Protein backbone atom coordinates (compact mmCIF):
# COMPACT_ATOMS: atom_id res chain seq x y z
CA MET A 1 25.75 -110.00 -67.75
CA HIS A 2 25.52 -106.23 -68.18
CA TYR A 3 27.02 -104.41 -71.15
CA ALA A 4 28.01 -100.75 -71.37
CA LYS A 5 30.22 -98.18 -73.05
CA LEU A 6 32.70 -96.25 -70.92
CA ILE A 7 31.93 -92.54 -71.36
CA SER A 8 33.88 -89.93 -69.35
CA GLY A 9 34.95 -92.60 -66.88
CA CYS A 10 31.40 -93.85 -66.18
CA PRO A 11 29.57 -96.83 -67.67
CA SER A 12 26.67 -96.00 -69.98
CA TYR A 13 24.63 -99.18 -69.92
CA ALA A 14 23.22 -100.76 -73.07
CA PRO A 15 19.58 -100.15 -73.87
CA ARG A 16 16.98 -102.92 -73.76
CA ARG A 17 15.85 -101.85 -77.23
CA MET A 18 18.18 -100.83 -80.02
CA ARG A 19 18.34 -100.56 -83.77
CA VAL A 20 20.56 -103.11 -85.49
CA GLY A 21 20.67 -102.21 -89.15
CA SER A 22 17.07 -101.59 -90.18
CA VAL A 23 15.58 -103.77 -87.42
CA ILE A 24 14.66 -102.77 -83.87
CA VAL A 25 15.85 -105.48 -81.49
CA TYR A 26 14.37 -105.95 -78.02
CA ASN A 27 16.69 -107.50 -75.42
CA PRO A 28 19.73 -107.70 -77.72
CA THR A 29 22.12 -110.59 -77.29
CA GLY A 30 25.68 -110.23 -76.03
CA ALA A 31 26.97 -110.71 -79.58
CA GLN A 32 24.71 -107.91 -80.88
CA LEU A 33 25.83 -105.58 -78.08
CA LEU A 34 29.50 -106.36 -78.72
CA ALA A 35 28.97 -105.61 -82.43
CA GLU A 36 27.55 -102.20 -81.44
CA GLY A 37 30.61 -101.37 -79.29
CA TYR A 38 29.26 -102.32 -75.86
CA LEU A 39 31.56 -104.21 -73.51
CA PRO A 40 30.80 -106.62 -70.66
CA VAL A 41 30.79 -104.93 -67.25
CA VAL A 42 32.66 -106.56 -64.35
CA GLU A 43 31.42 -105.25 -61.00
CA THR A 44 33.32 -105.87 -57.78
CA PRO A 45 32.00 -105.75 -54.20
CA MET A 46 32.43 -102.47 -52.36
CA PRO A 47 35.20 -102.77 -49.76
CA GLU A 48 34.65 -101.96 -46.10
CA THR A 49 35.87 -98.55 -44.97
CA ASP A 50 36.45 -96.85 -41.64
CA ALA A 51 34.50 -93.87 -40.32
CA GLN A 52 36.87 -91.35 -41.96
CA HIS A 53 36.65 -92.79 -45.49
CA TYR A 54 34.16 -93.86 -48.13
CA ALA A 55 34.61 -96.10 -51.16
CA GLU A 56 34.42 -94.30 -54.50
CA PRO A 57 33.88 -96.51 -57.59
CA HIS A 58 36.19 -96.08 -60.58
CA TRP A 59 35.77 -97.69 -63.97
CA THR A 60 38.44 -98.65 -66.51
CA GLU A 61 38.48 -100.53 -69.78
CA ARG A 62 40.72 -103.60 -69.58
CA GLY A 63 40.95 -106.61 -71.82
CA GLY A 64 37.72 -105.91 -73.68
CA GLN A 65 35.76 -105.37 -70.46
CA ILE A 66 34.72 -102.45 -68.28
CA VAL A 67 36.10 -103.21 -64.83
CA GLN A 68 35.02 -101.57 -61.57
CA SER A 69 37.59 -100.80 -58.89
CA TRP A 70 37.34 -98.84 -55.66
CA VAL A 71 39.37 -96.01 -54.14
CA ALA A 72 39.14 -95.01 -50.48
CA GLU A 73 38.39 -91.30 -50.30
CA GLU A 74 38.61 -89.25 -47.12
CA ILE A 75 35.35 -87.80 -45.81
CA GLU A 76 35.71 -84.07 -45.52
CA GLN A 77 34.69 -82.89 -42.07
CA PRO A 78 32.82 -79.60 -41.94
CA PRO A 79 34.80 -76.85 -40.24
CA MET A 80 34.20 -76.62 -36.51
CA THR A 81 32.18 -73.58 -35.48
CA ASP A 82 33.29 -71.41 -32.59
CA GLU A 83 30.34 -72.68 -30.58
CA ASP A 84 31.30 -76.32 -31.22
CA ALA A 85 34.88 -75.57 -30.18
CA LEU A 86 33.74 -73.90 -26.95
CA VAL A 87 31.39 -76.78 -26.11
CA ARG A 88 34.19 -79.29 -26.72
CA TYR A 89 36.53 -77.21 -24.54
CA ALA A 90 33.93 -76.98 -21.75
CA ASN A 91 33.42 -80.73 -21.88
CA GLU A 92 37.16 -81.34 -21.65
CA LEU A 93 37.52 -78.93 -18.71
CA THR A 94 34.66 -80.39 -16.72
CA GLY A 95 35.19 -83.99 -17.78
CA ALA A 96 31.48 -83.86 -18.43
CA SER A 97 29.72 -87.06 -19.25
CA ASP A 98 26.41 -86.19 -17.57
CA PRO A 99 23.97 -84.97 -20.28
CA ASP A 100 22.46 -82.37 -17.92
CA LEU A 101 25.90 -80.92 -17.15
CA ILE A 102 26.80 -80.84 -20.84
CA SER A 103 23.49 -79.15 -21.66
CA ALA A 104 24.06 -76.55 -18.96
CA ALA A 105 27.58 -75.84 -20.26
CA GLU A 106 26.25 -75.52 -23.82
CA THR A 107 23.55 -73.10 -22.66
CA LEU A 108 26.06 -71.00 -20.75
CA ILE A 109 28.46 -70.86 -23.67
CA THR A 110 25.68 -70.08 -26.16
CA ASP A 111 24.44 -67.23 -23.94
CA ARG A 112 27.96 -65.83 -23.69
CA ILE A 113 28.37 -65.99 -27.47
CA LYS A 114 25.11 -64.12 -27.98
CA GLU A 115 26.12 -61.48 -25.41
CA SER A 116 29.48 -60.90 -27.05
CA ALA A 117 27.84 -60.59 -30.49
CA GLU A 118 25.52 -57.78 -29.33
């Protein structure tokens, strides 16, 4: 069993060595940790998520324990560049699935972007 204190919403796990009164204790017992304000930690398995989400752990103190829960957070997609948009558009227009055709379209579009930037 792990013991911790909940600090700013995150568990701060108990040390393997701590001072209890005037004595340094190695591998303190659960009773010693409880007396120093540490609580048992209850971890839960991470849930499965889809490709657009990830599981973010959250910790709360409940019933004399620190309990882990999970929240599905949406993965932020980076903004699409103009080049990516043009490549996607070219692929949709041509129905391209052949890698050589896609590569040729990307080259053409990239060249046109460079020309227009000059």
